[in-house]
C-alpha cells in the first residue's frame, strides 16, 4: 500500500531534510520502494506539500520491527532472570531494587511496542 496524504507530507519533509530513503522506510515499517515513489512523484498524492522541519520526527536511523522484536525478547529474558534472582534473595531492599528494575524494563518495553 502507498502512503496516505499525511504520511506523504512526512516523507517529503524527511527527504528534503536529507534523510536516507531506507531510514524513512524503516520509520514507517514500509518497503523502500514506497519512499522512492514519493521521491519521484509517482505516488497517490504527488502534490502533497512537505511538512516543515518542526513537524518531522527526529532524524533516523530508525529500528525496523525485526530488531525491535529481538530487543523485546532480550528484555523479556532479563525480566525472567530478575524474577529468578528475586526468588532467592531474602533482603527486602534488594528485592525492592529488583522490582524497580523490572518496572523500568517493562515501561521501556511498552514504549518499544508502540514503534
N, C-alpha and C. Protein backbone atom coordinates (compact mmCIF):
# COMPACT_ATOMS: atom_id res chain seq x y z
N UNK A 1 0.83 -1.19 0.00
CA UNK A 1 0.00 0.00 0.00
C UNK A 1 0.87 1.25 0.00
N UNK A 2 0.37 2.28 -0.62
CA UNK A 2 1.09 3.54 -0.63
C UNK A 2 0.82 4.33 0.64
N UNK A 3 1.48 5.45 0.74
CA UNK A 3 1.30 6.32 1.90
C UNK A 3 0.02 7.13 1.77
N UNK A 4 -0.60 7.44 2.90
CA UNK A 4 -1.74 8.34 2.88
C UNK A 4 -1.22 9.78 2.72
N UNK A 5 -2.14 10.75 2.69
CA UNK A 5 -1.76 12.14 2.43
C UNK A 5 -0.77 12.65 3.47
N UNK A 6 -1.09 12.48 4.75
CA UNK A 6 -0.23 12.98 5.83
C UNK A 6 1.13 12.29 5.81
N UNK A 7 1.15 10.98 5.58
CA UNK A 7 2.42 10.25 5.51
C UNK A 7 3.26 10.73 4.33
N UNK A 8 2.59 11.03 3.21
CA UNK A 8 3.31 11.56 2.06
C UNK A 8 3.97 12.90 2.40
N UNK A 9 3.26 13.73 3.14
CA UNK A 9 3.84 15.00 3.58
C UNK A 9 5.07 14.77 4.47
N UNK A 10 4.96 13.80 5.37
CA UNK A 10 6.08 13.47 6.25
C UNK A 10 7.28 12.99 5.44
N UNK A 11 7.00 12.07 4.52
CA UNK A 11 8.08 11.52 3.68
C UNK A 11 8.77 12.63 2.91
N UNK A 12 7.99 13.51 2.30
CA UNK A 12 8.58 14.62 1.53
C UNK A 12 9.43 15.51 2.43
N UNK A 13 8.93 15.82 3.60
CA UNK A 13 9.70 16.65 4.53
C UNK A 13 10.99 15.98 4.95
N UNK A 14 10.92 14.67 5.20
CA UNK A 14 12.12 13.93 5.61
C UNK A 14 13.13 13.86 4.47
N UNK A 15 12.63 13.70 3.24
CA UNK A 15 13.53 13.68 2.08
C UNK A 15 14.23 15.02 1.91
N UNK A 16 13.48 16.10 2.03
CA UNK A 16 14.06 17.44 1.90
C UNK A 16 15.11 17.67 2.99
N UNK A 17 14.83 17.16 4.18
CA UNK A 17 15.79 17.31 5.28
C UNK A 17 17.08 16.53 5.01
N UNK A 18 17.00 15.55 4.11
CA UNK A 18 18.19 14.78 3.77
C UNK A 18 18.22 13.38 4.36
N UNK A 19 17.09 12.94 4.93
CA UNK A 19 17.03 11.58 5.47
C UNK A 19 17.21 10.56 4.34
N UNK A 20 17.84 9.46 4.67
CA UNK A 20 18.04 8.39 3.69
C UNK A 20 16.72 7.65 3.48
N UNK A 21 16.50 7.23 2.23
CA UNK A 21 15.24 6.57 1.90
C UNK A 21 15.02 5.31 2.73
N UNK A 22 16.08 4.54 2.99
CA UNK A 22 15.88 3.31 3.76
C UNK A 22 15.56 3.62 5.22
N UNK A 23 16.05 4.75 5.74
CA UNK A 23 15.70 5.16 7.10
C UNK A 23 14.23 5.57 7.18
N UNK A 24 13.78 6.29 6.17
CA UNK A 24 12.38 6.70 6.14
C UNK A 24 11.48 5.47 6.05
N UNK A 25 11.86 4.53 5.21
CA UNK A 25 11.08 3.30 5.08
C UNK A 25 11.01 2.55 6.41
N UNK A 26 12.12 2.50 7.13
CA UNK A 26 12.14 1.83 8.44
C UNK A 26 11.23 2.55 9.43
N UNK A 27 11.20 3.88 9.38
CA UNK A 27 10.34 4.65 10.28
C UNK A 27 8.88 4.24 10.11
N UNK A 28 8.46 4.05 8.87
CA UNK A 28 7.07 3.70 8.59
C UNK A 28 6.84 2.18 8.57
N UNK A 29 7.90 1.40 8.64
CA UNK A 29 7.75 -0.05 8.52
C UNK A 29 7.29 -0.43 7.12
N UNK A 30 7.77 0.31 6.15
CA UNK A 30 7.36 0.14 4.76
C UNK A 30 8.53 -0.30 3.91
N UNK A 31 8.21 -0.69 2.70
CA UNK A 31 9.21 -1.02 1.70
C UNK A 31 9.83 0.28 1.18
N UNK A 32 11.12 0.28 0.95
CA UNK A 32 11.80 1.48 0.46
C UNK A 32 11.25 1.93 -0.90
N UNK A 33 10.63 1.02 -1.62
CA UNK A 33 10.02 1.38 -2.90
C UNK A 33 8.91 2.40 -2.76
N UNK A 34 8.18 2.35 -1.64
CA UNK A 34 7.12 3.33 -1.40
C UNK A 34 7.72 4.73 -1.23
N UNK A 35 8.86 4.80 -0.55
CA UNK A 35 9.53 6.10 -0.37
C UNK A 35 10.03 6.60 -1.72
N UNK A 36 10.57 5.70 -2.53
CA UNK A 36 11.06 6.08 -3.85
C UNK A 36 9.92 6.62 -4.72
N UNK A 37 8.72 6.04 -4.57
CA UNK A 37 7.57 6.54 -5.33
C UNK A 37 7.25 7.99 -4.95
N UNK A 38 7.31 8.30 -3.67
CA UNK A 38 7.07 9.68 -3.23
C UNK A 38 8.18 10.58 -3.77
N UNK A 39 9.40 10.10 -3.72
CA UNK A 39 10.55 10.88 -4.16
C UNK A 39 10.45 11.25 -5.64
N UNK A 40 9.95 10.35 -6.44
CA UNK A 40 9.86 10.58 -7.89
C UNK A 40 8.54 11.20 -8.31
N UNK A 41 7.60 11.37 -7.36
CA UNK A 41 6.30 11.93 -7.71
C UNK A 41 5.32 10.92 -8.23
N UNK A 42 5.68 9.65 -8.15
CA UNK A 42 4.83 8.57 -8.65
C UNK A 42 4.02 7.96 -7.50
N UNK A 43 3.43 8.83 -6.66
CA UNK A 43 2.68 8.35 -5.51
C UNK A 43 1.21 8.75 -5.64
N UNK A 44 0.40 8.32 -4.70
CA UNK A 44 -1.03 8.63 -4.72
C UNK A 44 -1.28 10.12 -4.55
N UNK A 45 -0.40 10.81 -3.81
CA UNK A 45 -0.57 12.23 -3.54
C UNK A 45 0.67 13.02 -3.98
N UNK A 46 0.91 13.10 -5.29
CA UNK A 46 2.14 13.76 -5.76
C UNK A 46 2.19 15.25 -5.45
N UNK A 47 1.04 15.89 -5.23
CA UNK A 47 1.02 17.33 -4.98
C UNK A 47 0.96 17.68 -3.50
N UNK A 48 1.04 16.69 -2.63
CA UNK A 48 1.03 16.97 -1.19
C UNK A 48 2.28 17.76 -0.82
N UNK A 49 2.10 18.86 -0.10
CA UNK A 49 3.28 19.66 0.29
C UNK A 49 4.05 18.98 1.42
N UNK A 50 5.36 19.16 1.45
CA UNK A 50 6.14 18.57 2.54
C UNK A 50 5.84 19.26 3.86
N UNK A 51 5.95 18.52 4.94
CA UNK A 51 5.79 19.13 6.26
C UNK A 51 7.06 19.92 6.60
N UNK A 52 6.91 21.00 7.36
CA UNK A 52 8.09 21.77 7.77
C UNK A 52 8.92 20.98 8.79
N UNK A 53 10.19 21.33 8.92
CA UNK A 53 11.09 20.59 9.81
C UNK A 53 10.59 20.44 11.25
N UNK A 54 9.88 21.45 11.77
CA UNK A 54 9.43 21.38 13.16
C UNK A 54 8.29 20.38 13.37
N UNK A 55 7.75 19.83 12.29
CA UNK A 55 6.68 18.84 12.38
C UNK A 55 7.17 17.43 12.03
N UNK A 56 8.47 17.28 11.84
CA UNK A 56 9.04 15.99 11.47
C UNK A 56 9.55 15.24 12.71
N UNK A 57 9.60 13.91 12.62
CA UNK A 57 10.22 13.16 13.72
C UNK A 57 11.72 13.41 13.72
N UNK A 58 12.40 13.05 14.80
CA UNK A 58 13.86 13.20 14.80
C UNK A 58 14.46 12.40 13.64
N UNK A 59 15.60 12.83 13.11
CA UNK A 59 16.23 12.09 12.02
C UNK A 59 16.60 10.66 12.44
N UNK A 60 16.59 9.75 11.46
CA UNK A 60 16.93 8.35 11.71
C UNK A 60 18.41 8.17 11.93
N UNK A 61 18.90 6.97 11.97
CA UNK A 61 18.19 5.76 11.56
C UNK A 61 17.17 5.31 12.59
N UNK A 62 16.19 4.56 12.10
CA UNK A 62 15.11 4.04 12.92
C UNK A 62 15.19 2.52 12.95
N UNK A 63 14.70 1.95 14.02
CA UNK A 63 14.65 0.50 14.10
C UNK A 63 13.45 -0.02 13.33
N UNK A 64 13.66 -1.10 12.60
CA UNK A 64 12.53 -1.75 11.95
C UNK A 64 11.94 -2.74 12.95
N UNK A 65 10.83 -3.36 12.58
CA UNK A 65 10.13 -4.23 13.52
C UNK A 65 10.96 -5.45 13.92
N UNK A 66 11.87 -5.91 13.08
CA UNK A 66 12.64 -7.11 13.42
C UNK A 66 13.67 -6.85 14.52
N UNK A 67 14.47 -5.79 14.44
CA UNK A 67 15.36 -5.51 15.57
C UNK A 67 14.60 -5.18 16.86
N UNK A 68 13.47 -4.51 16.74
CA UNK A 68 12.68 -4.19 17.93
C UNK A 68 12.20 -5.48 18.58
N UNK A 69 11.74 -6.44 17.78
CA UNK A 69 11.29 -7.71 18.32
C UNK A 69 12.43 -8.44 19.04
N UNK A 70 13.62 -8.37 18.48
CA UNK A 70 14.77 -9.01 19.12
C UNK A 70 15.11 -8.34 20.45
N UNK A 71 15.05 -7.01 20.48
CA UNK A 71 15.31 -6.28 21.73
C UNK A 71 14.26 -6.63 22.77
N UNK A 72 13.00 -6.69 22.37
CA UNK A 72 11.93 -7.05 23.31
C UNK A 72 12.14 -8.45 23.87
N UNK A 73 12.58 -9.38 23.05
CA UNK A 73 12.84 -10.74 23.53
C UNK A 73 13.95 -10.76 24.57
N UNK A 74 15.01 -10.01 24.34
CA UNK A 74 16.12 -9.93 25.30
C UNK A 74 15.65 -9.30 26.60
N UNK A 75 14.83 -8.26 26.48
CA UNK A 75 14.32 -7.61 27.69
C UNK A 75 13.42 -8.55 28.49
N UNK A 76 12.64 -9.35 27.80
CA UNK A 76 11.79 -10.33 28.49
C UNK A 76 12.66 -11.36 29.21
N UNK A 77 13.74 -11.79 28.59
CA UNK A 77 14.68 -12.70 29.24
C UNK A 77 15.30 -12.06 30.48
N UNK A 78 15.60 -10.77 30.41
CA UNK A 78 16.16 -10.06 31.56
C UNK A 78 15.17 -10.03 32.71
N UNK A 79 13.91 -9.82 32.40
CA UNK A 79 12.88 -9.83 33.46
C UNK A 79 12.79 -11.21 34.10
N UNK A 80 12.86 -12.25 33.28
CA UNK A 80 12.82 -13.61 33.83
C UNK A 80 14.02 -13.85 34.75
N UNK A 81 15.19 -13.37 34.38
CA UNK A 81 16.38 -13.54 35.21
C UNK A 81 16.24 -12.76 36.52
N UNK A 82 15.68 -11.56 36.44
CA UNK A 82 15.46 -10.76 37.65
C UNK A 82 14.48 -11.47 38.58
N UNK A 83 13.41 -12.01 38.01
CA UNK A 83 12.42 -12.74 38.82
C UNK A 83 13.05 -13.94 39.50
N UNK A 84 13.90 -14.64 38.79
CA UNK A 84 14.60 -15.80 39.36
C UNK A 84 15.50 -15.36 40.51
N UNK A 85 16.23 -14.28 40.30
CA UNK A 85 17.11 -13.77 41.35
C UNK A 85 16.31 -13.29 42.56
N UNK A 86 15.20 -12.64 42.31
CA UNK A 86 14.37 -12.12 43.41
C UNK A 86 13.84 -13.25 44.29
N UNK A 87 13.59 -14.39 43.67
CA UNK A 87 13.09 -15.54 44.43
C UNK A 87 14.09 -16.13 45.39
N UNK A 88 15.37 -15.86 45.15
CA UNK A 88 16.41 -16.45 46.02
C UNK A 88 17.03 -15.43 46.97
N UNK A 89 16.52 -14.21 46.96
CA UNK A 89 17.07 -13.17 47.82
C UNK A 89 16.11 -12.91 48.98
N UNK A 90 16.63 -12.83 50.17
CA UNK A 90 15.81 -12.58 51.35
C UNK A 90 15.79 -11.12 51.75
N UNK A 91 16.72 -10.34 51.28
CA UNK A 91 16.84 -8.93 51.67
C UNK A 91 15.74 -8.10 51.00
N UNK A 92 14.93 -7.42 51.80
CA UNK A 92 13.80 -6.65 51.28
C UNK A 92 14.24 -5.50 50.38
N UNK A 93 15.34 -4.84 50.75
CA UNK A 93 15.83 -3.72 49.94
C UNK A 93 16.30 -4.20 48.57
N UNK A 94 16.97 -5.34 48.55
CA UNK A 94 17.43 -5.90 47.28
C UNK A 94 16.23 -6.29 46.41
N UNK A 95 15.21 -6.89 47.03
CA UNK A 95 14.00 -7.26 46.27
C UNK A 95 13.32 -6.01 45.72
N UNK A 96 13.29 -4.94 46.52
CA UNK A 96 12.67 -3.70 46.04
C UNK A 96 13.44 -3.14 44.85
N UNK A 97 14.76 -3.22 44.90
CA UNK A 97 15.58 -2.77 43.79
C UNK A 97 15.33 -3.58 42.53
N UNK A 98 15.20 -4.88 42.69
CA UNK A 98 14.90 -5.74 41.54
C UNK A 98 13.51 -5.44 40.98
N UNK A 99 12.56 -5.15 41.85
CA UNK A 99 11.22 -4.79 41.39
C UNK A 99 11.25 -3.49 40.58
N UNK A 100 12.05 -2.53 41.03
CA UNK A 100 12.20 -1.28 40.29
C UNK A 100 12.83 -1.52 38.92
N UNK A 101 13.83 -2.40 38.88
CA UNK A 101 14.47 -2.73 37.60
C UNK A 101 13.47 -3.36 36.65
N UNK A 102 12.65 -4.28 37.17
CA UNK A 102 11.63 -4.93 36.34
C UNK A 102 10.65 -3.90 35.81
N UNK A 103 10.22 -3.00 36.67
CA UNK A 103 9.27 -1.96 36.27
C UNK A 103 9.86 -1.07 35.18
N UNK A 104 11.13 -0.70 35.32
CA UNK A 104 11.78 0.14 34.32
C UNK A 104 11.86 -0.58 32.97
N UNK A 105 12.19 -1.84 33.00
CA UNK A 105 12.27 -2.62 31.75
C UNK A 105 10.89 -2.74 31.11
N UNK A 106 9.88 -3.04 31.91
CA UNK A 106 8.53 -3.19 31.37
C UNK A 106 8.01 -1.88 30.78
N UNK A 107 8.35 -0.76 31.40
CA UNK A 107 7.96 0.54 30.87
C UNK A 107 8.60 0.79 29.50
N UNK A 108 9.88 0.49 29.40
CA UNK A 108 10.58 0.67 28.12
C UNK A 108 10.02 -0.28 27.06
N UNK A 109 9.71 -1.52 27.47
CA UNK A 109 9.13 -2.47 26.53
C UNK A 109 7.82 -1.95 25.97
N UNK A 110 6.99 -1.36 26.82
CA UNK A 110 5.71 -0.81 26.36
C UNK A 110 5.92 0.28 25.32
N UNK A 111 6.92 1.13 25.54
CA UNK A 111 7.17 2.20 24.56
C UNK A 111 7.72 1.64 23.26
N UNK A 112 8.52 0.58 23.34
CA UNK A 112 9.04 -0.04 22.11
C UNK A 112 7.94 -0.73 21.30
N UNK A 113 6.96 -1.24 21.97
CA UNK A 113 5.85 -1.91 21.27
C UNK A 113 5.05 -0.91 20.43
N UNK A 114 5.13 0.37 20.78
CA UNK A 114 4.43 1.41 20.03
C UNK A 114 5.16 1.80 18.76
N UNK A 115 6.41 1.37 18.61
CA UNK A 115 7.23 1.73 17.45
C UNK A 115 6.71 1.05 16.21
